[in-house]
Protein backbone atom coordinates (compact mmCIF):
# COMPACT_ATOMS: atom_id res chain seq x y z
CA MET A 1 -0.06 -0.02 0.16
CA ARG A 2 1.27 3.39 -1.06
CA LYS A 3 2.19 5.75 1.88
CA PRO A 4 0.59 8.91 2.04
CA ASP A 5 2.18 12.00 0.93
CA GLU A 6 2.79 13.86 4.27
CA LYS A 7 3.89 16.69 2.29
CA LEU A 8 0.80 16.83 -0.02
CA LYS A 9 -1.16 16.55 3.68
CA ALA A 10 0.28 19.45 5.21
CA GLN A 11 -0.09 21.64 2.10
CA ARG A 12 -3.70 20.83 1.71
CA ARG A 13 -4.42 21.37 5.58
CA GLU A 14 -2.76 24.70 5.31
CA GLN A 15 -5.01 25.40 2.23
CA LEU A 16 -8.01 24.44 4.14
CA ILE A 17 -6.99 26.81 6.71
CA ALA A 18 -6.33 29.67 4.64
CA VAL A 19 -9.79 29.11 2.60
CA ALA A 20 -11.56 28.92 5.84
CA SER A 21 -10.01 32.00 7.76
CA GLU A 22 -10.85 34.02 4.98
CA LEU A 23 -14.87 32.99 5.27
CA PHE A 24 -14.40 33.32 9.18
CA ALA A 25 -12.97 36.81 8.75
CA MET A 26 -15.63 37.98 6.29
CA LYS A 27 -18.74 36.38 7.90
CA ASN A 28 -20.21 35.40 11.16
CA TYR A 29 -19.27 31.75 12.85
CA HIS A 30 -22.67 30.43 12.05
CA GLU A 31 -22.62 31.67 8.35
CA VAL A 32 -19.65 29.77 7.73
CA LEU A 33 -20.37 26.22 5.62
CA MET A 34 -18.25 23.57 5.34
CA ASP A 35 -19.55 23.05 1.81
CA GLU A 36 -18.25 26.50 1.14
CA VAL A 37 -14.93 25.81 2.50
CA ALA A 38 -14.76 22.41 0.42
CA VAL A 39 -15.87 24.73 -2.92
CA ARG A 40 -13.60 27.67 -2.65
CA ALA A 41 -10.52 24.79 -1.64
CA GLY A 42 -11.37 22.75 -4.75
CA ILE A 43 -11.79 19.71 -2.90
CA ALA A 44 -14.49 17.31 -2.00
CA LYS A 45 -16.65 17.99 1.05
CA GLY A 46 -15.62 14.49 2.23
CA THR A 47 -11.69 15.49 2.45
CA VAL A 48 -12.63 18.31 4.50
CA TYR A 49 -13.99 16.25 6.94
CA ASN A 50 -11.13 13.84 6.98
CA TYR A 51 -8.82 16.80 8.40
CA PHE A 52 -11.40 18.70 10.15
CA PRO A 53 -14.41 16.57 11.52
CA THR A 54 -16.62 19.54 12.46
CA LYS A 55 -16.56 23.26 11.96
CA GLU A 56 -15.34 23.77 15.47
CA ASP A 57 -12.50 22.18 15.06
CA LEU A 58 -11.50 24.04 11.93
CA TYR A 59 -12.13 27.20 13.75
CA LYS A 60 -10.22 26.18 16.74
CA SER A 61 -7.28 24.83 14.65
CA ILE A 62 -7.01 28.20 12.62
CA ILE A 63 -6.62 30.13 16.05
CA THR A 64 -4.74 27.45 17.64
CA GLU A 65 -2.04 26.93 14.78
CA ARG A 66 -1.63 30.11 13.78
CA LEU A 67 -0.79 31.15 17.59
CA GLU A 68 1.42 28.13 18.02
CA SER A 69 3.33 29.20 14.75
CA LEU A 70 3.90 32.89 16.01
CA LEU A 71 4.85 31.71 19.53
CA ARG A 72 7.29 29.39 17.86
CA LEU A 73 8.59 32.38 15.68
CA LEU A 74 8.92 34.38 18.78
CA GLN A 75 10.90 32.05 20.78
CA ASP A 76 13.31 31.52 17.85
CA ARG A 77 14.27 34.71 17.29
CA ILE A 78 14.89 35.72 21.01
CA ASP A 79 18.34 35.91 21.68
CA ASN A 80 19.27 36.80 25.49
CA ARG A 81 23.03 37.36 24.44
CA HIS A 82 21.81 40.47 22.86
CA THR A 83 20.57 43.78 24.58
CA PRO A 84 16.99 43.38 25.36
CA LEU A 85 16.52 46.47 23.11
CA THR A 86 17.08 43.49 20.10
CA ASN A 87 14.40 41.07 21.56
CA ILE A 88 11.82 43.81 21.94
CA ARG A 89 12.25 44.97 18.29
CA ARG A 90 12.51 41.26 17.18
CA ILE A 91 9.20 40.81 19.14
CA VAL A 92 7.68 43.82 17.68
CA VAL A 93 8.70 43.23 14.40
CA HIS A 94 7.89 39.67 13.97
CA MET A 95 4.32 40.00 15.64
CA TYR A 96 3.53 43.01 13.06
CA SER A 97 4.78 40.82 10.23
CA PHE A 98 3.13 37.61 11.16
CA MET A 99 -0.08 39.47 11.79
CA ALA A 100 -0.06 41.39 8.49
CA LYS A 101 1.17 38.25 6.53
CA TYR A 102 -2.01 36.22 7.80
CA SER A 103 -4.51 39.10 7.83
CA HIS A 104 -7.69 36.97 7.71
CA PHE A 105 -6.40 35.00 10.68
CA PHE A 106 -5.51 38.31 12.47
CA GLN A 107 -9.14 39.35 12.13
CA ILE A 108 -10.31 36.64 13.47
CA TRP A 109 -8.17 36.52 16.50
CA TYR A 110 -8.64 40.49 17.24
CA LYS A 111 -12.16 39.79 17.94
CA GLU A 112 -11.83 36.42 19.64
CA LYS A 113 -9.08 37.77 22.01
CA LEU A 114 -11.57 40.30 23.72
CA ASN A 115 -13.02 37.17 25.33
CA CYS A 116 -10.64 34.38 24.90
CA SER A 117 -10.20 34.40 28.71
CA ARG A 118 -14.01 33.83 29.44
CA SER A 119 -14.63 31.60 26.48
CA PRO A 120 -14.45 27.40 26.30
CA HIS A 121 -10.94 27.94 24.80
CA GLU A 122 -8.98 28.44 27.11
CA HIS A 123 -6.17 26.87 24.79
CA PHE A 124 -6.20 30.23 23.08
CA HIS A 125 -5.71 32.34 26.30
CA LYS A 126 -2.67 29.96 27.31
CA LEU A 127 -0.99 30.55 24.01
CA TYR A 128 -1.48 34.18 23.92
CA GLN A 129 -0.31 34.49 27.54
CA GLU A 130 2.86 32.65 26.72
CA ILE A 131 3.24 35.04 23.45
CA LYS A 132 2.87 37.95 25.73
CA ASN A 133 5.25 36.57 28.18
CA LEU A 134 7.97 36.86 26.06
CA MET A 135 7.37 40.54 25.85
CA ILE A 136 6.93 40.75 29.67
CA ILE A 137 10.51 39.21 29.85
CA ALA A 138 12.07 41.61 27.79
CA LEU A 139 10.57 44.70 29.11
CA GLU A 140 11.54 43.60 32.62
CA ARG A 141 15.12 43.07 31.61
CA GLY A 142 15.44 46.41 29.76
CA ILE A 143 14.02 47.95 32.93
CA LYS A 144 16.34 45.95 35.31
CA GLU A 145 19.45 47.03 32.70
CA ASP A 146 17.93 51.11 32.74
CA ILE A 147 17.36 50.60 29.32
CA LEU A 148 13.57 51.25 29.63
CA ARG A 149 12.10 53.64 32.20
CA PRO A 150 10.69 51.79 34.98
CA HIS A 151 6.90 50.81 34.41
CA ALA A 152 4.61 47.63 35.53
CA ALA A 153 5.77 45.14 32.51
CA PRO A 154 2.53 43.31 32.04
CA PHE A 155 0.78 47.06 31.61
CA VAL A 156 3.39 47.96 29.05
CA ALA A 157 3.16 44.56 27.04
CA ASP A 158 -0.51 45.09 26.99
CA ILE A 159 -0.13 48.56 25.35
CA ALA A 160 2.79 47.55 23.02
CA ILE A 161 0.46 44.77 21.99
CA GLY A 162 -2.24 47.03 21.11
CA ILE A 163 -0.18 49.54 19.41
CA ILE A 164 0.95 46.57 16.99
CA ASP A 165 -2.69 45.40 16.41
CA SER A 166 -3.51 49.10 15.53
CA ALA A 167 -0.59 49.06 13.25
CA VAL A 168 -1.86 45.88 11.45
CA LEU A 169 -5.25 47.18 11.44
CA ARG A 170 -4.23 50.39 9.33
CA SER A 171 -1.79 48.51 7.11
CA GLU A 172 -4.39 46.71 4.97
CA ASN A 173 -3.66 49.18 1.88
CA LEU A 174 0.12 49.41 2.33
CA THR A 175 2.39 47.90 -0.16
CA ALA A 176 4.89 44.98 1.32
CA GLU A 177 7.57 47.49 1.24
CA GLU A 178 5.63 50.17 3.56
CA ARG A 179 4.96 47.45 5.89
CA LYS A 180 8.58 46.64 6.31
CA LEU A 181 9.13 50.33 7.14
CA GLU A 182 6.01 50.45 9.27
CA ARG A 183 6.71 47.77 11.54
CA VAL A 184 10.32 49.75 12.58
CA ARG A 185 8.06 52.70 13.07
CA VAL A 186 5.97 50.75 15.59
CA TYR A 187 9.16 49.90 16.94
CA GLU A 188 10.65 53.27 17.64
CA PHE A 189 7.31 54.93 18.48
CA ILE A 190 7.43 52.46 21.47
CA LEU A 191 11.16 53.11 22.25
CA ASP A 192 10.40 56.65 22.35
CA ALA A 193 7.43 56.16 25.03
CA LEU A 194 9.86 53.78 27.07
CA GLY A 195 13.36 54.56 26.59
CA THR A 196 15.79 56.07 28.41
CA ASP A 197 18.68 57.68 27.10
CA LEU A 198 20.91 54.78 27.15
CA ALA A 199 18.13 53.07 24.78
CA HIS A 200 18.39 55.91 22.60
CA GLN A 201 22.09 55.73 22.52
CA LEU A 202 22.07 51.97 21.70
CA HIS A 203 19.55 52.80 18.92
CA ARG A 204 21.47 55.27 17.35
CA ASP A 205 24.32 52.89 17.47
CA GLY A 206 22.80 50.50 15.61
CA GLN A 207 23.08 47.83 18.39
CA ASP A 208 19.33 46.96 18.57
CA GLU A 209 19.28 46.43 14.74
CA PRO A 210 19.67 42.51 13.72
CA GLN A 211 20.26 43.17 10.20
CA LYS A 212 19.15 39.75 9.02
CA GLU A 213 15.99 40.39 10.78
CA GLU A 214 15.10 43.26 8.76
CA GLY A 215 15.21 41.96 5.41
CA SER A 216 12.10 39.37 5.04
CA VAL A 217 9.33 40.48 2.67
CA ILE A 218 5.74 40.43 4.33
CA VAL A 219 3.53 38.56 1.82
CA ALA A 220 -0.30 39.00 2.15
CA GLU A 221 -2.14 35.79 3.25
CA LYS A 222 -3.78 34.07 0.23
């Protein structure tokens, strides 16, 4: 018996998540039909159910898998051998880039995040807290090293993520190159609000600017 093509399965699963993300972003949850997901993906309805037994499974998978991807991305980019400003910059840049790339997911998550701590989907809330904790840890280190002015790090993390969300919302009609500039402007806005003289000197010296992290092109979700 021929073994299933795991690469093809992964591609098809991603295709279904991308198609369903667009539908859930455009419509209310109850208006999205599995038939429509199948038609838009160009596959049989039965095949959709092989991947996602119910519409709720599909919806939960969109949010869970995207948040897990973002968490892994940020964990991979953080390096405590660098100044905490570098980590803060990386978190801001990559969170903005991820949400701008997966814009349909962002629209779903932006609504869901408001209630996830009270919803039956506690796993969403747990993943979001893990992501936010990466920001909190970087902020606390920056405060400890007198790079950032003293504030309650959880409060600042919420405000910083809110700024990123707002920037993503206004990025819909920007080109990829404009978004690359925008994400740096978001970081610099946060730096202006929080940074000490030492932070601004480090920024002027380029010690918070890992060049290889700034070169990726943001591609809109298809």
